[in-house]
Amino acid sequence: MEVNPPKQEHLLTLNVTRLTKPTLFANIPGTCEEKDLPGDLLNQLMRDDPSTVHGAEIFTLGEMLALPPNFGNVLLGETFSSYVGAHNDSDQVVKDILVKADLQTSSQRLSLWASSAAVAELKPDCCVDAVIHHEVKEVGAHNLVCAVSYTTQGGENRSFRKLFKFQALTPLDVKTKLYNAETDEVFLEAQIQNITTSPMFMEKVSLEPSVMYNVTELNSVNKAGECVSTFGSRAYLQPMDTRQYLYCLKPKKEFAEKAGIIKGVTVIGKLDIVWKTNLGERGRLQTSQLPRMAPGYGDVRLSLEAIPDTVNLEEPFHVTCKITNCSERTMDLVLEMCNTNSIHWCGVSGRQLGKLRPSSSLCLALPLLSSVQGLQSVSGLRLTDTFLERTYEYDDIAQVCVVSSTVNVET
């Protein structure tokens, strides 16, 4: 009959503790009305309970602090901290101690700490320890693998390891929308939702633009000479609440002048979000580079630089148009103006605009008048390239409100 040898006990013990701030103790109140059978007994027990808040015994939130029972969960963007130590519990000296801590994720294995050289010897009641820190950048299951190897006095090499599991959760749901203006401006709307079970203090939400853009935050208003946040004085984001942040990006002057417009798919920047939870645990999350699809303007781009909001009926007014050559060739342009039923052009049609080089532009002040009241559409511009005999039509360029110039005087 074969007997398995008894399992040998190791001379060293491995202690691994996650370093995290405590949470507020939550008690479950049990109360009843005075006319019920227990009377005031349950209420008195709650008042005598040291974990409850005096005067607010029926609330679940207590005034004591509680340590987490295990590794628990960690949020993406937070820093995971842990104590790792190998302690000599035996009564003999242990030699050549080597302690190593690795973090295993679904995609990679990271070395968080390893003693640079094996400790020559470790006397009884002594330890080899360290505090490790790691910023969590992946969502999902994480395994903290700690391994210890040593040599006994008899020259026997021994080793063992332990595995500690925890989950990395997503704290925020970030959604972005991009809006292209008539100019080269781009507006970014970022919707940020707290998908955790506890409130968050939003310390910073900013947009780091790419090298081609300048950014302006549109999340504050000016009241009595003071810049006030549109979200009010409280920067807390309750669970499942959502906030919308708005930013305006403009191409830098050197890029706008060099290329005229920013073509194709470009990146506008990335969001940088910093928050705090519970008792001040700090987390940071950066999105990847946000892509932007620039609108296509064709060979020739026509934009409005100035137009009045309101004009008088049958009175001339001016609009200023900007014509930009977006192609890679020189154009010889002719401007034609076609009248509509309500908007009439007052200038000369068939004007020669001359040659326009690639990425160059020119501005024109064109006179009009309207014969119909109401909200009217400015249409009827035609540009013809005489080199290729190609015509570009522009309708519904803008809208203008036409009002009567007659003033009624009550007698």
Protein backbone atom coordinates (compact mmCIF):
# COMPACT_ATOMS: atom_id res chain seq x y z
CA MET A 1 0.00 0.00 0.00
CA GLU A 2 1.44 3.32 -1.12
CA VAL A 3 1.09 6.28 1.22
CA ASN A 4 1.42 9.90 -0.02
CA PRO A 5 4.07 11.84 1.90
CA PRO A 6 2.75 14.58 4.15
CA LYS A 7 2.63 18.08 2.68
CA GLN A 8 5.58 20.13 3.81
CA GLU A 9 4.87 23.45 5.49
CA HIS A 10 6.81 26.42 4.21
CA LEU A 11 9.06 28.40 6.46
CA LEU A 12 7.85 31.69 4.96
CA THR A 13 4.34 33.08 4.83
CA LEU A 14 3.14 35.45 2.14
CA ASN A 15 1.03 38.42 3.23
CA VAL A 16 -0.83 40.37 0.54
CA THR A 17 -3.17 43.22 1.48
CA ARG A 18 -4.83 45.73 -0.78
CA LEU A 19 -4.31 49.29 0.41
CA THR A 20 -7.52 51.22 0.06
CA LYS A 21 -9.42 53.84 1.99
CA PRO A 22 -12.28 52.68 4.22
CA THR A 23 -15.95 53.25 3.49
CA LEU A 24 -18.73 54.52 5.70
CA PHE A 25 -20.47 51.77 7.62
CA ALA A 26 -24.06 51.13 6.52
CA ASN A 27 -26.50 49.75 9.08
CA ILE A 28 -29.96 48.33 8.39
CA PRO A 29 -32.48 50.11 10.64
CA GLY A 30 -35.36 48.24 12.20
CA THR A 31 -38.15 50.46 13.46
CA CYS A 32 -41.86 50.42 14.17
CA GLU A 33 -44.62 52.69 15.39
CA GLU A 34 -45.38 53.10 19.08
CA LYS A 35 -48.78 51.40 18.70
CA ASP A 36 -47.08 48.21 17.46
CA LEU A 37 -46.25 45.37 19.81
CA PRO A 38 -42.54 46.22 20.35
CA GLY A 39 -43.47 49.80 21.23
CA ASP A 40 -40.38 51.97 21.52
CA LEU A 41 -38.01 49.04 22.05
CA LEU A 42 -36.60 48.91 18.51
CA ASN A 43 -36.20 52.68 18.34
CA GLN A 44 -34.34 52.68 21.63
CA LEU A 45 -32.01 49.93 20.41
CA MET A 46 -31.15 52.02 17.36
CA ARG A 47 -30.47 55.08 19.51
CA ASP A 48 -28.12 53.02 21.68
CA ASP A 49 -26.29 51.53 18.68
CA PRO A 50 -22.85 53.22 18.47
CA SER A 51 -22.70 52.78 14.68
CA THR A 52 -25.72 55.01 13.98
CA VAL A 53 -25.73 58.78 13.62
CA HIS A 54 -27.27 60.54 16.62
CA GLY A 55 -30.59 62.08 15.59
CA ALA A 56 -30.70 60.20 12.28
CA GLU A 57 -30.93 56.60 13.41
CA ILE A 58 -33.42 55.56 10.71
CA PHE A 59 -30.94 56.37 7.91
CA THR A 60 -28.77 53.55 6.62
CA LEU A 61 -25.56 55.60 6.54
CA GLY A 62 -23.60 55.30 9.78
CA GLU A 63 -20.76 57.32 11.23
CA MET A 64 -18.21 54.52 11.51
CA LEU A 65 -15.65 53.41 8.96
CA ALA A 66 -15.47 49.88 7.60
CA LEU A 67 -12.60 48.15 5.82
CA PRO A 68 -13.35 46.16 2.67
CA PRO A 69 -13.58 42.41 3.38
CA ASN A 70 -11.49 41.37 0.36
CA PHE A 71 -9.72 42.72 -2.70
CA GLY A 72 -13.05 43.97 -4.04
CA ASN A 73 -13.26 45.86 -7.30
CA VAL A 74 -11.23 48.71 -8.73
CA LEU A 75 -12.34 51.32 -11.25
CA LEU A 76 -10.68 51.86 -14.59
CA GLY A 77 -8.34 54.82 -14.25
CA GLU A 78 -7.76 54.40 -10.51
CA THR A 79 -4.46 53.35 -8.94
CA PHE A 80 -4.34 49.84 -7.48
CA SER A 81 -2.12 49.71 -4.38
CA SER A 82 -1.15 46.63 -2.42
CA TYR A 83 1.25 45.49 0.28
CA VAL A 84 3.29 42.36 -0.48
CA GLY A 85 5.53 40.79 2.15
CA ALA A 86 7.23 37.47 2.91
CA HIS A 87 7.60 36.82 6.65
CA ASN A 88 9.84 34.24 8.33
CA ASP A 89 7.59 32.43 10.81
CA SER A 90 10.11 29.69 11.56
CA ASP A 91 12.87 29.51 14.15
CA GLN A 92 15.69 29.13 11.64
CA VAL A 93 17.49 31.38 9.20
CA VAL A 94 16.26 31.26 5.60
CA LYS A 95 18.60 32.08 2.71
CA ASP A 96 18.37 33.38 -0.87
CA ILE A 97 14.86 34.82 -0.59
CA LEU A 98 13.33 36.11 -3.81
CA VAL A 99 9.84 37.70 -3.92
CA LYS A 100 8.08 38.64 -7.14
CA ALA A 101 4.66 40.19 -7.93
CA ASP A 102 3.11 40.17 -11.43
CA LEU A 103 -0.24 41.41 -12.69
CA GLN A 104 -1.97 39.23 -15.26
CA THR A 105 -4.70 40.75 -17.47
CA SER A 106 -6.54 39.40 -20.47
CA SER A 107 -3.98 40.88 -22.86
CA GLN A 108 -0.65 41.14 -21.03
CA ARG A 109 1.44 40.27 -17.99
CA LEU A 110 3.10 43.13 -16.09
CA SER A 111 5.89 42.88 -13.55
CA LEU A 112 4.95 45.13 -10.62
CA TRP A 113 7.77 44.30 -8.23
CA ALA A 114 10.68 41.93 -7.89
CA SER A 115 13.55 42.12 -5.46
CA SER A 116 16.55 43.25 -7.50
CA ALA A 117 18.73 40.58 -5.92
CA ALA A 118 17.99 37.63 -3.70
CA VAL A 119 18.17 38.47 -0.01
CA ALA A 120 21.15 36.61 1.41
CA GLU A 121 19.44 35.54 4.61
CA LEU A 122 16.30 36.26 6.60
CA LYS A 123 16.30 35.78 10.34
CA PRO A 124 13.23 34.62 12.31
CA ASP A 125 10.43 37.22 12.69
CA CYS A 126 11.88 39.31 9.84
CA CYS A 127 10.30 40.01 6.50
CA VAL A 128 10.92 41.19 2.95
CA ASP A 129 8.17 43.51 1.82
CA ALA A 130 7.20 46.32 -0.53
CA VAL A 131 4.21 48.48 -1.50
CA ILE A 132 3.27 48.28 -5.18
CA HIS A 133 1.21 50.72 -7.25
CA HIS A 134 -0.34 50.27 -10.66
CA GLU A 135 -2.68 52.50 -12.67
CA VAL A 136 -5.46 50.30 -14.05
CA LYS A 137 -5.79 50.77 -17.80
CA GLU A 138 -7.79 47.68 -18.78
CA VAL A 139 -11.31 46.53 -18.01
CA GLY A 140 -12.01 42.98 -16.88
CA ALA A 141 -10.49 40.33 -14.66
CA HIS A 142 -7.06 40.97 -13.11
CA ASN A 143 -4.89 38.41 -11.34
CA LEU A 144 -2.18 39.45 -8.90
CA VAL A 145 0.38 36.61 -8.95
CA CYS A 146 2.87 36.61 -6.05
CA ALA A 147 5.73 34.10 -6.02
CA VAL A 148 8.29 33.36 -3.28
CA SER A 149 11.44 31.21 -3.52
CA TYR A 150 14.02 30.52 -0.80
CA THR A 151 16.61 28.04 0.46
CA THR A 152 16.49 26.24 3.80
CA GLN A 153 19.45 25.69 6.10
CA GLY A 154 19.72 22.17 4.76
CA GLY A 155 20.22 23.49 1.21
CA GLU A 156 16.72 22.57 -0.05
CA ASN A 157 15.21 24.94 -2.62
CA ARG A 158 11.56 25.67 -2.04
CA SER A 159 9.04 27.94 -3.76
CA PHE A 160 5.33 28.69 -3.75
CA ARG A 161 2.96 31.27 -5.14
CA LYS A 162 -0.49 32.69 -4.49
CA LEU A 163 -3.11 34.16 -6.79
CA PHE A 164 -5.42 37.09 -5.92
CA LYS A 165 -8.27 38.05 -8.24
CA PHE A 166 -10.13 41.35 -8.65
CA GLN A 167 -12.25 43.03 -11.28
CA ALA A 168 -11.60 46.33 -13.03
CA LEU A 169 -14.90 48.07 -13.78
CA THR A 170 -15.78 50.95 -16.08
CA PRO A 171 -16.72 54.01 -14.02
CA LEU A 172 -17.95 56.29 -16.82
CA ASP A 173 -19.86 55.96 -20.05
CA VAL A 174 -18.50 58.55 -22.47
CA LYS A 175 -20.29 59.37 -25.74
CA THR A 176 -19.18 62.06 -28.18
CA LYS A 177 -20.85 63.89 -31.06
CA LEU A 178 -19.17 66.14 -33.61
CA TYR A 179 -20.78 69.03 -35.48
CA ASN A 180 -19.12 70.77 -38.44
CA ALA A 181 -19.97 74.47 -38.73
CA GLU A 182 -20.15 76.46 -41.97
CA THR A 183 -16.66 77.68 -41.19
CA ASP A 184 -13.77 75.40 -40.25
CA GLU A 185 -14.97 75.32 -36.64
CA VAL A 186 -15.85 71.98 -35.06
CA PHE A 187 -18.15 71.61 -32.04
CA LEU A 188 -17.68 68.60 -29.78
CA GLU A 189 -20.45 67.45 -27.43
CA ALA A 190 -19.33 64.96 -24.78
CA GLN A 191 -21.93 63.08 -22.71
CA ILE A 192 -20.46 61.65 -19.51
CA GLN A 193 -22.55 59.29 -17.36
CA ASN A 194 -21.67 57.96 -13.91
CA ILE A 195 -22.39 54.21 -14.10
CA THR A 196 -21.06 53.38 -10.62
CA THR A 197 -23.15 53.01 -7.46
CA SER A 198 -21.65 56.01 -5.64
CA PRO A 199 -21.46 59.76 -6.32
CA MET A 200 -18.46 61.22 -8.09
CA PHE A 201 -16.75 64.54 -7.65
CA MET A 202 -15.83 65.72 -11.15
CA GLU A 203 -12.50 67.44 -10.58
CA LYS A 204 -11.67 68.15 -14.22
CA VAL A 205 -13.18 67.49 -17.64
CA SER A 206 -11.08 69.02 -20.40
CA LEU A 207 -10.31 68.51 -24.06
CA GLU A 208 -6.66 68.26 -25.08
CA PRO A 209 -6.66 69.38 -28.74
CA SER A 210 -4.34 68.11 -31.42
CA VAL A 211 -1.56 70.29 -32.82
CA MET A 212 -3.85 71.62 -35.56
CA TYR A 213 -6.58 73.07 -33.32
CA ASN A 214 -7.21 75.57 -30.55
CA VAL A 215 -10.03 74.74 -28.14
CA THR A 216 -12.52 76.92 -26.26
CA GLU A 217 -14.65 75.48 -23.45
CA LEU A 218 -18.34 76.41 -23.57
CA ASN A 219 -19.28 75.07 -20.14
CA SER A 220 -19.50 78.34 -18.24
CA VAL A 221 -21.37 81.65 -18.38
CA ASN A 222 -20.37 85.14 -17.36
CA LYS A 223 -22.49 86.53 -14.52
CA ALA A 224 -21.64 89.93 -13.04
CA GLY A 225 -18.08 89.69 -14.34
CA GLU A 226 -17.57 86.22 -12.83
CA CYS A 227 -17.22 82.97 -14.74
CA VAL A 228 -19.82 80.52 -13.40
CA SER A 229 -20.14 76.86 -14.38
CA THR A 230 -23.29 75.88 -16.23
CA PHE A 231 -23.64 72.92 -13.84
CA GLY A 232 -23.94 75.13 -10.76
CA SER A 233 -21.80 75.21 -7.66
CA ARG A 234 -21.99 71.45 -7.03
CA ALA A 235 -19.52 69.37 -8.99
CA TYR A 236 -21.00 66.02 -7.88
CA LEU A 237 -22.33 63.54 -10.39
CA GLN A 238 -24.86 61.18 -8.84
CA PRO A 239 -25.11 57.50 -9.92
CA MET A 240 -26.59 57.11 -13.42
CA ASP A 241 -26.63 60.91 -13.93
CA THR A 242 -25.34 62.40 -17.18
CA ARG A 243 -23.67 65.69 -18.00
CA GLN A 244 -23.09 67.25 -21.39
CA TYR A 245 -19.90 69.18 -22.03
CA LEU A 246 -19.44 71.38 -25.11
CA TYR A 247 -16.20 72.49 -26.78
CA CYS A 248 -15.41 74.60 -29.85
CA LEU A 249 -12.31 73.83 -31.90
CA LYS A 250 -10.80 76.19 -34.44
CA PRO A 251 -7.91 75.37 -36.79
CA LYS A 252 -4.72 77.27 -35.97
CA LYS A 253 -3.91 80.14 -38.27
CA GLU A 254 -0.84 78.54 -39.79
CA PHE A 255 -2.78 75.40 -40.79
CA ALA A 256 -5.82 77.31 -42.07
CA GLU A 257 -3.68 79.61 -44.23
CA LYS A 258 -1.51 76.81 -45.53
CA ALA A 259 -4.16 74.34 -46.55
CA GLY A 260 -7.28 76.49 -46.75
CA ILE A 261 -9.31 73.78 -45.06
CA ILE A 262 -8.42 70.63 -43.20
CA LYS A 263 -9.32 67.81 -45.52
CA GLY A 264 -9.99 64.15 -44.98
CA VAL A 265 -10.08 62.32 -41.67
CA THR A 266 -8.17 64.11 -38.92
CA VAL A 267 -7.95 63.84 -35.14
CA ILE A 268 -9.16 66.73 -33.01
CA GLY A 269 -7.83 65.61 -29.61
CA LYS A 270 -8.77 63.54 -26.60
CA LEU A 271 -10.82 64.00 -23.44
CA ASP A 272 -9.08 64.10 -20.05
CA ILE A 273 -11.38 63.29 -17.11
CA VAL A 274 -10.34 63.38 -13.45
CA TRP A 275 -12.70 62.43 -10.62
CA LYS A 276 -12.77 61.47 -6.95
CA THR A 277 -14.98 58.87 -5.22
CA ASN A 278 -15.90 57.88 -1.66
CA LEU A 279 -13.27 59.33 0.67
CA GLY A 280 -11.08 60.93 -1.96
CA GLU A 281 -9.88 58.06 -4.18
CA ARG A 282 -8.70 59.71 -7.35
CA GLY A 283 -9.18 58.35 -10.84
CA ARG A 284 -8.23 59.54 -14.28
CA LEU A 285 -9.49 58.48 -17.67
CA GLN A 286 -8.26 59.58 -21.07
CA THR A 287 -10.09 58.69 -24.25
CA SER A 288 -8.36 57.71 -27.44
CA GLN A 289 -7.87 60.31 -30.16
CA LEU A 290 -11.26 61.44 -31.42
CA PRO A 291 -11.52 61.28 -35.23
CA ARG A 292 -13.22 63.94 -37.26
CA MET A 293 -14.46 63.60 -40.82
CA ALA A 294 -14.08 66.98 -42.47
CA PRO A 295 -16.99 67.90 -44.73
CA GLY A 296 -16.32 67.78 -48.45
CA TYR A 297 -16.67 71.12 -50.24
CA GLY A 298 -15.85 70.00 -53.75
CA ASP A 299 -13.60 72.11 -55.93
CA VAL A 300 -15.05 75.48 -54.91
CA ARG A 301 -16.33 76.44 -51.48
CA LEU A 302 -18.79 79.31 -51.00
CA SER A 303 -19.34 80.60 -47.46
CA LEU A 304 -21.01 83.66 -45.97
CA GLU A 305 -18.87 86.07 -44.00
CA ALA A 306 -21.58 88.62 -43.14
CA ILE A 307 -25.35 88.85 -43.59
CA PRO A 308 -27.95 90.95 -41.73
CA ASP A 309 -30.52 89.15 -39.60
CA THR A 310 -33.38 91.48 -40.56
CA VAL A 311 -33.85 93.67 -43.65
CA ASN A 312 -36.56 96.02 -44.83
CA LEU A 313 -38.92 95.17 -47.66
CA GLU A 314 -37.79 96.45 -51.09
CA GLU A 315 -34.67 98.07 -49.63
CA PRO A 316 -31.20 96.98 -50.80
CA PHE A 317 -28.91 95.13 -48.42
CA HIS A 318 -25.51 93.50 -48.77
CA VAL A 319 -24.12 90.06 -48.07
CA THR A 320 -20.42 89.25 -48.02
CA CYS A 321 -19.42 85.95 -49.62
CA LYS A 322 -16.08 84.16 -49.46
CA ILE A 323 -15.02 81.97 -52.38
CA THR A 324 -12.22 79.43 -51.77
CA ASN A 325 -10.47 77.29 -54.35
CA CYS A 326 -10.32 73.83 -52.72
CA SER A 327 -8.84 72.08 -55.73
CA GLU A 328 -5.20 71.59 -56.67
CA ARG A 329 -5.37 73.66 -59.85
CA THR A 330 -5.83 77.32 -60.76
CA MET A 331 -9.36 78.39 -61.71
CA ASP A 332 -10.67 81.25 -63.86
CA LEU A 333 -14.08 82.00 -62.35
CA VAL A 334 -17.13 83.85 -63.65
CA LEU A 335 -19.93 84.89 -61.26
CA GLU A 336 -23.54 84.66 -62.43
CA MET A 337 -26.58 85.73 -60.38
CA CYS A 338 -30.05 84.32 -61.02
CA ASN A 339 -33.06 86.07 -59.49
CA THR A 340 -35.74 84.15 -57.64
CA ASN A 341 -39.40 84.99 -56.95
CA SER A 342 -38.59 86.78 -53.68
CA ILE A 343 -34.85 87.62 -53.65
CA HIS A 344 -33.42 89.80 -56.43
CA TRP A 345 -29.72 90.42 -57.09
CA CYS A 346 -28.86 94.05 -57.83
CA GLY A 347 -25.34 93.56 -59.23
CA VAL A 348 -24.10 92.73 -62.70
CA SER A 349 -24.31 89.07 -63.66
CA GLY A 350 -21.48 87.43 -65.59
CA ARG A 351 -18.64 89.20 -63.73
CA GLN A 352 -15.12 88.00 -64.32
CA LEU A 353 -13.52 87.20 -60.96
CA GLY A 354 -10.14 86.43 -62.43
CA LYS A 355 -7.78 83.61 -61.68
CA LEU A 356 -7.88 81.96 -58.26
CA ARG A 357 -4.91 79.85 -57.16
CA PRO A 358 -5.27 76.62 -55.13
CA SER A 359 -6.11 77.20 -51.46
CA SER A 360 -6.67 80.90 -52.17
CA SER A 361 -9.86 82.83 -51.50
CA LEU A 362 -11.53 86.15 -52.23
CA CYS A 363 -14.39 88.07 -50.63
CA LEU A 364 -17.24 89.76 -52.48
CA ALA A 365 -19.91 92.19 -51.21
CA LEU A 366 -23.09 91.53 -53.21
CA PRO A 367 -26.24 93.73 -53.12
CA LEU A 368 -29.77 92.26 -52.96
CA LEU A 369 -33.35 93.27 -52.23
CA SER A 370 -36.47 91.32 -51.35
CA SER A 371 -39.97 91.85 -52.73
CA VAL A 372 -41.69 89.42 -50.33
CA GLN A 373 -41.96 89.61 -46.53
CA GLY A 374 -41.12 86.78 -44.17
CA LEU A 375 -38.19 84.39 -43.89
CA GLN A 376 -36.61 84.25 -47.34
CA SER A 377 -33.85 82.05 -48.71
CA VAL A 378 -30.85 83.54 -50.48
CA SER A 379 -30.28 81.50 -53.65
CA GLY A 380 -29.24 81.79 -57.25
CA LEU A 381 -25.44 82.08 -57.31
CA ARG A 382 -23.52 80.33 -60.06
CA LEU A 383 -19.74 80.03 -60.47
CA THR A 384 -18.27 78.86 -63.78
CA ASP A 385 -14.68 77.75 -64.30
CA THR A 386 -13.81 78.81 -67.85
CA PHE A 387 -10.80 76.48 -67.99
CA LEU A 388 -12.89 73.31 -67.63
CA GLU A 389 -16.25 74.91 -68.54
CA ARG A 390 -17.69 73.55 -65.30
CA THR A 391 -20.51 75.32 -63.41
CA TYR A 392 -21.05 75.18 -59.63
CA GLU A 393 -24.55 76.03 -58.36
CA TYR A 394 -25.26 77.41 -54.88
CA ASP A 395 -28.85 77.57 -53.58
CA ASP A 396 -30.22 77.98 -50.05
CA ILE A 397 -27.04 79.76 -49.04
CA ALA A 398 -28.66 81.48 -46.07
CA GLN A 399 -31.96 82.83 -44.79
CA VAL A 400 -32.91 86.41 -43.98
CA CYS A 401 -35.98 87.87 -42.27
CA VAL A 402 -37.74 90.51 -44.38
CA VAL A 403 -40.01 92.98 -42.57
CA SER A 404 -42.14 95.88 -43.72
CA SER A 405 -40.51 99.31 -43.50
CA THR A 406 -43.91 100.98 -42.85
CA VAL A 407 -44.35 102.21 -39.28
CA ASN A 408 -47.92 102.35 -37.97
CA VAL A 409 -48.53 105.29 -35.65
CA GLU A 410 -51.55 105.12 -33.36
CA THR A 411 -53.48 108.37 -32.98
